C-alpha cells in the first residue's frame, strides 16, 4: 500500500485510480479482493463493497474517531453511518455483564418478574411462561 501511495502521490482525487486518473470502480476493486481471498483459500463470496464501508466505519469508531468525521469520510448525509459501525461481540458481552452487575437493574427486573410472572434470562430476553 505504501508503495502504491508513493506512486499515486498526494493529489486530490480518488484513492484508487488507474494510471490515467480514471477511478477504480467498486466492482473492480471487490473482484480483485475476492480473487486474492480465494487464492488464499478464503471463501470470498460474502465480501462486497459494503464490507469495506463497514470495516472502515467500525475501525474509525474503535479508534475513537468523532462521529461527525466518520460521517464525512464515508460521505453519509444522515445517521445511516451508525448502522455500519459494528460493536465486537466480546465488547457487547462485557457491557451485558456490567449491566447484570448493577443492583438497581437487578432490582427492577426482579420486581418485573414477581409482578408480571415473566422469566428473565441474563441476556435480557424476556419470555412469557408456558400456558398450562
N, C-alpha and C. Protein backbone atom coordinates (compact mmCIF):
# COMPACT_ATOMS: atom_id res chain seq x y z
N UNK A 1 0.82 -1.18 0.00
CA UNK A 1 0.00 0.00 0.00
C UNK A 1 0.87 1.25 0.00
N UNK A 2 1.92 1.23 0.83
CA UNK A 2 2.80 2.40 0.88
C UNK A 2 3.47 2.66 -0.47
N UNK A 3 3.85 1.58 -1.16
CA UNK A 3 4.47 1.74 -2.48
C UNK A 3 3.47 2.36 -3.45
N UNK A 4 2.21 1.92 -3.38
CA UNK A 4 1.18 2.48 -4.24
C UNK A 4 0.99 3.97 -3.95
N UNK A 5 0.94 4.33 -2.67
CA UNK A 5 0.74 5.73 -2.29
C UNK A 5 1.89 6.61 -2.77
N UNK A 6 3.11 6.07 -2.77
CA UNK A 6 4.25 6.84 -3.28
C UNK A 6 4.09 7.11 -4.77
N UNK A 7 3.62 6.12 -5.51
CA UNK A 7 3.43 6.28 -6.95
C UNK A 7 2.24 7.19 -7.23
N UNK A 8 1.16 7.01 -6.47
CA UNK A 8 -0.05 7.80 -6.67
C UNK A 8 0.18 9.27 -6.36
N UNK A 9 0.92 9.54 -5.31
CA UNK A 9 1.14 10.92 -4.90
C UNK A 9 0.02 11.41 -4.01
N UNK A 10 0.09 12.66 -3.63
CA UNK A 10 -0.89 13.20 -2.67
C UNK A 10 -1.90 14.14 -3.32
N UNK A 11 -2.05 14.07 -4.63
CA UNK A 11 -3.01 14.95 -5.31
C UNK A 11 -4.45 14.56 -4.95
N UNK A 12 -5.35 15.50 -5.13
CA UNK A 12 -6.77 15.27 -4.85
C UNK A 12 -7.33 14.25 -5.82
N UNK A 13 -8.35 13.56 -5.40
CA UNK A 13 -8.99 12.58 -6.25
C UNK A 13 -9.19 11.27 -5.53
N UNK A 14 -9.72 10.29 -6.23
CA UNK A 14 -9.99 9.01 -5.59
C UNK A 14 -8.70 8.33 -5.14
N UNK A 15 -8.78 7.57 -4.06
CA UNK A 15 -7.61 6.88 -3.54
C UNK A 15 -7.09 5.87 -4.56
N UNK A 16 -7.98 5.07 -5.11
CA UNK A 16 -7.57 4.06 -6.08
C UNK A 16 -7.98 4.50 -7.48
N UNK A 17 -7.00 4.66 -8.35
CA UNK A 17 -7.26 5.09 -9.73
C UNK A 17 -6.27 4.41 -10.66
N UNK A 18 -6.68 4.30 -11.92
CA UNK A 18 -5.79 3.77 -12.95
C UNK A 18 -4.76 4.83 -13.29
N UNK A 19 -3.74 4.46 -14.04
CA UNK A 19 -2.66 5.39 -14.39
C UNK A 19 -3.16 6.68 -15.03
N UNK A 20 -4.21 6.60 -15.81
CA UNK A 20 -4.74 7.79 -16.47
C UNK A 20 -5.59 8.67 -15.55
N UNK A 21 -5.78 8.24 -14.30
CA UNK A 21 -6.57 9.02 -13.37
C UNK A 21 -8.02 8.58 -13.24
N UNK A 22 -8.45 7.67 -14.13
CA UNK A 22 -9.81 7.16 -14.05
C UNK A 22 -9.97 6.35 -12.77
N UNK A 23 -11.03 6.61 -11.98
CA UNK A 23 -11.17 5.91 -10.70
C UNK A 23 -11.44 4.42 -10.86
N UNK A 24 -10.90 3.65 -9.95
CA UNK A 24 -11.17 2.23 -9.88
C UNK A 24 -12.58 2.06 -9.33
N UNK A 25 -13.42 1.32 -10.02
CA UNK A 25 -14.80 1.14 -9.57
C UNK A 25 -14.85 0.16 -8.40
N UNK A 26 -15.90 0.28 -7.64
CA UNK A 26 -16.09 -0.62 -6.51
C UNK A 26 -16.15 -2.07 -6.99
N UNK A 27 -16.82 -2.29 -8.11
CA UNK A 27 -16.97 -3.65 -8.64
C UNK A 27 -15.61 -4.26 -9.00
N UNK A 28 -14.75 -3.46 -9.63
CA UNK A 28 -13.40 -3.95 -9.99
C UNK A 28 -12.57 -4.22 -8.74
N UNK A 29 -12.69 -3.31 -7.77
CA UNK A 29 -11.95 -3.46 -6.52
C UNK A 29 -12.36 -4.75 -5.81
N UNK A 30 -13.66 -4.97 -5.67
CA UNK A 30 -14.16 -6.16 -4.98
C UNK A 30 -13.77 -7.42 -5.74
N UNK A 31 -13.83 -7.38 -7.06
CA UNK A 31 -13.43 -8.54 -7.86
C UNK A 31 -11.96 -8.90 -7.58
N UNK A 32 -11.10 -7.90 -7.50
CA UNK A 32 -9.68 -8.14 -7.22
C UNK A 32 -9.49 -8.69 -5.80
N UNK A 33 -10.22 -8.14 -4.84
CA UNK A 33 -10.12 -8.62 -3.46
C UNK A 33 -10.62 -10.06 -3.36
N UNK A 34 -11.75 -10.35 -4.01
CA UNK A 34 -12.28 -11.71 -3.98
C UNK A 34 -11.31 -12.71 -4.60
N UNK A 35 -10.69 -12.30 -5.70
CA UNK A 35 -9.72 -13.18 -6.35
C UNK A 35 -8.54 -13.45 -5.41
N UNK A 36 -8.06 -12.42 -4.73
CA UNK A 36 -6.95 -12.58 -3.79
C UNK A 36 -7.36 -13.47 -2.61
N UNK A 37 -8.57 -13.28 -2.09
CA UNK A 37 -9.04 -14.10 -0.97
C UNK A 37 -9.18 -15.56 -1.37
N UNK A 38 -9.76 -15.80 -2.54
CA UNK A 38 -9.94 -17.18 -2.99
C UNK A 38 -8.60 -17.86 -3.26
N UNK A 39 -7.63 -17.12 -3.77
CA UNK A 39 -6.31 -17.72 -3.99
C UNK A 39 -5.62 -18.04 -2.66
N UNK A 40 -6.07 -17.38 -1.58
CA UNK A 40 -5.53 -17.66 -0.24
C UNK A 40 -6.36 -18.72 0.48
N UNK A 41 -7.39 -19.26 -0.21
CA UNK A 41 -8.21 -20.31 0.37
C UNK A 41 -9.35 -19.81 1.24
N UNK A 42 -9.71 -18.54 1.11
CA UNK A 42 -10.80 -17.96 1.90
C UNK A 42 -12.05 -17.88 1.04
N UNK A 43 -13.19 -18.27 1.62
CA UNK A 43 -14.47 -18.17 0.91
C UNK A 43 -14.78 -16.68 0.73
N UNK A 44 -14.81 -16.20 -0.49
CA UNK A 44 -14.88 -14.76 -0.74
C UNK A 44 -16.24 -14.26 -1.20
N UNK A 45 -17.19 -15.14 -1.40
CA UNK A 45 -18.48 -14.73 -1.98
C UNK A 45 -19.23 -13.71 -1.13
N UNK A 46 -19.00 -13.72 0.17
CA UNK A 46 -19.76 -12.81 1.04
C UNK A 46 -19.14 -11.42 1.15
N UNK A 47 -18.02 -11.19 0.50
CA UNK A 47 -17.39 -9.86 0.55
C UNK A 47 -17.93 -8.98 -0.57
N UNK A 48 -18.32 -7.76 -0.21
CA UNK A 48 -18.86 -6.81 -1.18
C UNK A 48 -18.36 -5.41 -0.83
N UNK A 49 -18.77 -4.42 -1.60
CA UNK A 49 -18.35 -3.04 -1.35
C UNK A 49 -18.69 -2.59 0.06
N UNK A 50 -19.87 -2.99 0.54
CA UNK A 50 -20.28 -2.56 1.88
C UNK A 50 -19.39 -3.17 2.97
N UNK A 51 -18.74 -4.28 2.68
CA UNK A 51 -17.82 -4.88 3.66
C UNK A 51 -16.74 -3.87 4.03
N UNK A 52 -16.28 -3.12 3.07
CA UNK A 52 -15.21 -2.16 3.32
C UNK A 52 -15.73 -0.90 3.99
N UNK A 53 -16.95 -0.51 3.68
CA UNK A 53 -17.55 0.64 4.37
C UNK A 53 -17.78 0.29 5.83
N UNK A 54 -18.27 -0.92 6.07
CA UNK A 54 -18.49 -1.38 7.45
C UNK A 54 -17.16 -1.44 8.19
N UNK A 55 -16.16 -2.03 7.56
CA UNK A 55 -14.84 -2.15 8.20
C UNK A 55 -14.22 -0.80 8.52
N UNK A 56 -14.33 0.13 7.59
CA UNK A 56 -13.74 1.46 7.81
C UNK A 56 -14.48 2.20 8.93
N UNK A 57 -15.81 2.16 8.92
CA UNK A 57 -16.58 2.85 9.96
C UNK A 57 -16.33 2.22 11.33
N UNK A 58 -16.28 0.89 11.39
CA UNK A 58 -16.05 0.19 12.65
C UNK A 58 -14.65 0.49 13.20
N UNK A 59 -13.65 0.45 12.32
CA UNK A 59 -12.28 0.73 12.75
C UNK A 59 -12.14 2.17 13.23
N UNK A 60 -12.73 3.11 12.50
CA UNK A 60 -12.67 4.51 12.91
C UNK A 60 -13.31 4.72 14.27
N UNK A 61 -14.47 4.10 14.50
CA UNK A 61 -15.15 4.23 15.79
C UNK A 61 -14.34 3.59 16.91
N UNK A 62 -13.75 2.42 16.64
CA UNK A 62 -12.95 1.73 17.65
C UNK A 62 -11.71 2.53 18.04
N UNK A 63 -11.21 3.33 17.12
CA UNK A 63 -10.03 4.16 17.39
C UNK A 63 -10.40 5.52 17.97
N UNK A 64 -11.69 5.71 18.23
CA UNK A 64 -12.13 6.93 18.89
C UNK A 64 -12.38 8.12 17.98
N UNK A 65 -12.52 7.87 16.68
CA UNK A 65 -12.77 8.97 15.76
C UNK A 65 -14.15 9.56 16.02
N UNK A 66 -14.27 10.86 15.94
CA UNK A 66 -15.55 11.54 16.15
C UNK A 66 -16.58 11.06 15.14
N UNK A 67 -17.83 10.95 15.59
CA UNK A 67 -18.91 10.52 14.70
C UNK A 67 -19.02 11.41 13.47
N UNK A 68 -18.87 12.72 13.66
CA UNK A 68 -19.00 13.64 12.53
C UNK A 68 -17.91 13.39 11.48
N UNK A 69 -16.74 12.99 11.92
CA UNK A 69 -15.64 12.69 10.99
C UNK A 69 -15.92 11.40 10.24
N UNK A 70 -16.42 10.38 10.94
CA UNK A 70 -16.77 9.12 10.29
C UNK A 70 -17.83 9.38 9.23
N UNK A 71 -18.81 10.17 9.59
CA UNK A 71 -19.90 10.50 8.66
C UNK A 71 -19.36 11.22 7.42
N UNK A 72 -18.47 12.17 7.62
CA UNK A 72 -17.90 12.92 6.50
C UNK A 72 -17.03 12.04 5.61
N UNK A 73 -16.14 11.26 6.21
CA UNK A 73 -15.25 10.41 5.42
C UNK A 73 -16.02 9.37 4.62
N UNK A 74 -17.13 8.88 5.18
CA UNK A 74 -17.94 7.89 4.47
C UNK A 74 -18.95 8.50 3.52
N UNK A 75 -18.98 9.83 3.46
CA UNK A 75 -19.90 10.57 2.60
C UNK A 75 -21.37 10.25 2.90
N UNK A 76 -21.68 10.05 4.20
CA UNK A 76 -23.05 9.83 4.61
C UNK A 76 -23.70 11.19 4.88
N UNK A 77 -24.91 11.37 4.43
CA UNK A 77 -25.64 12.63 4.60
C UNK A 77 -26.51 12.63 5.85
N UNK A 78 -26.78 11.43 6.41
CA UNK A 78 -27.66 11.34 7.57
C UNK A 78 -27.05 10.38 8.59
N UNK A 79 -27.84 9.86 9.48
CA UNK A 79 -27.34 8.98 10.54
C UNK A 79 -27.18 7.52 10.11
N UNK A 80 -27.33 7.24 8.83
CA UNK A 80 -27.19 5.87 8.33
C UNK A 80 -25.84 5.27 8.68
N UNK A 81 -24.82 6.11 8.78
CA UNK A 81 -23.48 5.59 9.08
C UNK A 81 -23.45 4.80 10.38
N UNK A 82 -24.35 5.09 11.31
CA UNK A 82 -24.39 4.37 12.58
C UNK A 82 -24.68 2.89 12.38
N UNK A 83 -25.41 2.55 11.30
CA UNK A 83 -25.71 1.16 11.02
C UNK A 83 -24.47 0.41 10.53
N UNK A 84 -23.45 1.12 10.11
CA UNK A 84 -22.23 0.50 9.60
C UNK A 84 -21.22 0.20 10.70
N UNK A 85 -21.35 0.84 11.84
CA UNK A 85 -20.41 0.62 12.93
C UNK A 85 -20.83 -0.66 13.67
N UNK A 86 -19.94 -1.63 13.71
CA UNK A 86 -20.22 -2.90 14.38
C UNK A 86 -19.46 -2.93 15.71
N UNK A 87 -20.15 -3.35 16.76
CA UNK A 87 -19.52 -3.49 18.06
C UNK A 87 -19.16 -4.96 18.21
N UNK A 88 -17.88 -5.26 18.51
CA UNK A 88 -17.47 -6.66 18.65
C UNK A 88 -18.27 -7.40 19.71
N UNK A 89 -18.54 -8.68 19.49
CA UNK A 89 -19.34 -9.48 20.43
C UNK A 89 -18.74 -9.48 21.83
N UNK A 90 -17.42 -9.55 21.93
CA UNK A 90 -16.79 -9.57 23.25
C UNK A 90 -17.09 -8.28 24.01
N UNK A 91 -17.08 -7.17 23.30
CA UNK A 91 -17.38 -5.88 23.92
C UNK A 91 -18.84 -5.84 24.37
N UNK A 92 -19.74 -6.36 23.54
CA UNK A 92 -21.16 -6.43 23.92
C UNK A 92 -21.35 -7.32 25.14
N UNK A 93 -20.62 -8.44 25.19
CA UNK A 93 -20.71 -9.34 26.35
C UNK A 93 -20.24 -8.63 27.61
N UNK A 94 -19.18 -7.84 27.49
CA UNK A 94 -18.68 -7.08 28.64
C UNK A 94 -19.72 -6.09 29.13
N UNK A 95 -20.36 -5.38 28.19
CA UNK A 95 -21.39 -4.41 28.56
C UNK A 95 -22.58 -5.11 29.22
N UNK A 96 -22.98 -6.27 28.69
CA UNK A 96 -24.09 -7.02 29.27
C UNK A 96 -23.76 -7.44 30.69
N UNK A 97 -22.52 -7.92 30.89
CA UNK A 97 -22.10 -8.33 32.24
C UNK A 97 -22.10 -7.14 33.19
N UNK A 98 -21.70 -5.98 32.70
CA UNK A 98 -21.72 -4.78 33.54
C UNK A 98 -23.15 -4.46 33.96
N UNK A 99 -24.08 -4.56 33.02
CA UNK A 99 -25.47 -4.26 33.33
C UNK A 99 -26.05 -5.27 34.32
N UNK A 100 -25.66 -6.54 34.17
CA UNK A 100 -26.14 -7.56 35.11
C UNK A 100 -25.66 -7.28 36.52
N UNK A 101 -24.53 -6.60 36.63
CA UNK A 101 -23.96 -6.32 37.94
C UNK A 101 -24.59 -5.17 38.68
N UNK A 102 -25.37 -4.34 38.04
CA UNK A 102 -25.96 -3.18 38.70
C UNK A 102 -27.15 -3.62 39.55
N UNK A 103 -27.10 -3.31 40.85
CA UNK A 103 -28.17 -3.71 41.77
C UNK A 103 -29.51 -3.11 41.37
N UNK A 104 -29.51 -1.85 40.93
CA UNK A 104 -30.75 -1.20 40.55
C UNK A 104 -31.38 -1.93 39.37
N UNK A 105 -30.54 -2.32 38.42
CA UNK A 105 -31.03 -3.03 37.24
C UNK A 105 -31.62 -4.37 37.65
N UNK A 106 -30.91 -5.07 38.53
CA UNK A 106 -31.39 -6.37 39.01
C UNK A 106 -32.70 -6.20 39.77
N UNK A 107 -32.74 -5.20 40.60
CA UNK A 107 -33.93 -4.96 41.40
C UNK A 107 -35.14 -4.69 40.52
N UNK A 108 -34.95 -3.88 39.50
CA UNK A 108 -36.03 -3.55 38.58
C UNK A 108 -36.57 -4.80 37.91
N UNK A 109 -35.68 -5.66 37.40
CA UNK A 109 -36.13 -6.87 36.72
C UNK A 109 -36.69 -7.89 37.70
N UNK A 110 -36.18 -7.88 38.92
CA UNK A 110 -36.73 -8.77 39.94
C UNK A 110 -38.18 -8.41 40.22
N UNK A 111 -38.45 -7.11 40.34
CA UNK A 111 -39.83 -6.66 40.56
C UNK A 111 -40.71 -7.02 39.36
N UNK A 112 -40.16 -6.84 38.16
CA UNK A 112 -40.90 -7.18 36.96
C UNK A 112 -41.25 -8.66 36.94
N UNK A 113 -40.30 -9.49 37.32
CA UNK A 113 -40.51 -10.93 37.34
C UNK A 113 -41.63 -11.29 38.31
N UNK A 114 -41.55 -10.76 39.54
CA UNK A 114 -42.54 -11.10 40.56
C UNK A 114 -43.91 -10.51 40.25
N UNK A 115 -43.92 -9.32 39.68
CA UNK A 115 -45.18 -8.63 39.40
C UNK A 115 -45.89 -9.24 38.19
N UNK A 116 -45.16 -9.51 37.16
CA UNK A 116 -45.77 -9.94 35.89
C UNK A 116 -45.56 -11.41 35.57
N UNK A 117 -44.85 -12.13 36.44
CA UNK A 117 -44.57 -13.55 36.23
C UNK A 117 -43.85 -13.80 34.91
N UNK A 118 -42.86 -12.95 34.65
CA UNK A 118 -42.04 -13.12 33.45
C UNK A 118 -40.73 -13.79 33.83
N UNK A 119 -40.18 -14.56 32.92
CA UNK A 119 -38.88 -15.18 33.14
C UNK A 119 -37.83 -14.33 32.44
N UNK A 120 -36.73 -14.06 33.13
CA UNK A 120 -35.69 -13.22 32.57
C UNK A 120 -34.41 -14.02 32.43
N UNK A 121 -33.84 -14.03 31.26
CA UNK A 121 -32.54 -14.63 31.03
C UNK A 121 -31.48 -13.56 31.15
N UNK A 122 -30.25 -13.95 31.39
CA UNK A 122 -29.19 -12.96 31.60
C UNK A 122 -28.96 -12.07 30.38
N UNK A 123 -29.30 -12.56 29.21
CA UNK A 123 -29.10 -11.72 28.01
C UNK A 123 -30.28 -10.78 27.79
N UNK A 124 -31.13 -10.63 28.79
CA UNK A 124 -32.24 -9.68 28.80
C UNK A 124 -33.38 -10.05 27.85
N UNK A 125 -33.40 -11.28 27.37
CA UNK A 125 -34.54 -11.72 26.57
C UNK A 125 -35.65 -12.14 27.52
N UNK A 126 -36.83 -11.64 27.31
CA UNK A 126 -37.94 -11.93 28.21
C UNK A 126 -38.92 -12.87 27.50
N UNK A 127 -39.31 -13.92 28.20
CA UNK A 127 -40.23 -14.89 27.64
C UNK A 127 -41.44 -15.02 28.54
N UNK A 128 -42.60 -15.20 27.97
CA UNK A 128 -43.80 -15.47 28.77
C UNK A 128 -43.78 -16.92 29.19
N UNK A 129 -44.30 -17.23 30.40
CA UNK A 129 -44.33 -18.63 30.82
C UNK A 129 -45.24 -19.45 29.92
N UNK A 130 -44.96 -20.73 29.84
CA UNK A 130 -45.79 -21.62 29.02
C UNK A 130 -47.21 -21.64 29.54
N UNK A 131 -48.16 -21.66 28.62
CA UNK A 131 -49.56 -21.74 29.03
C UNK A 131 -49.84 -23.14 29.55
N UNK A 132 -50.58 -23.23 30.68
CA UNK A 132 -50.86 -24.55 31.22
C UNK A 132 -52.24 -25.01 30.85
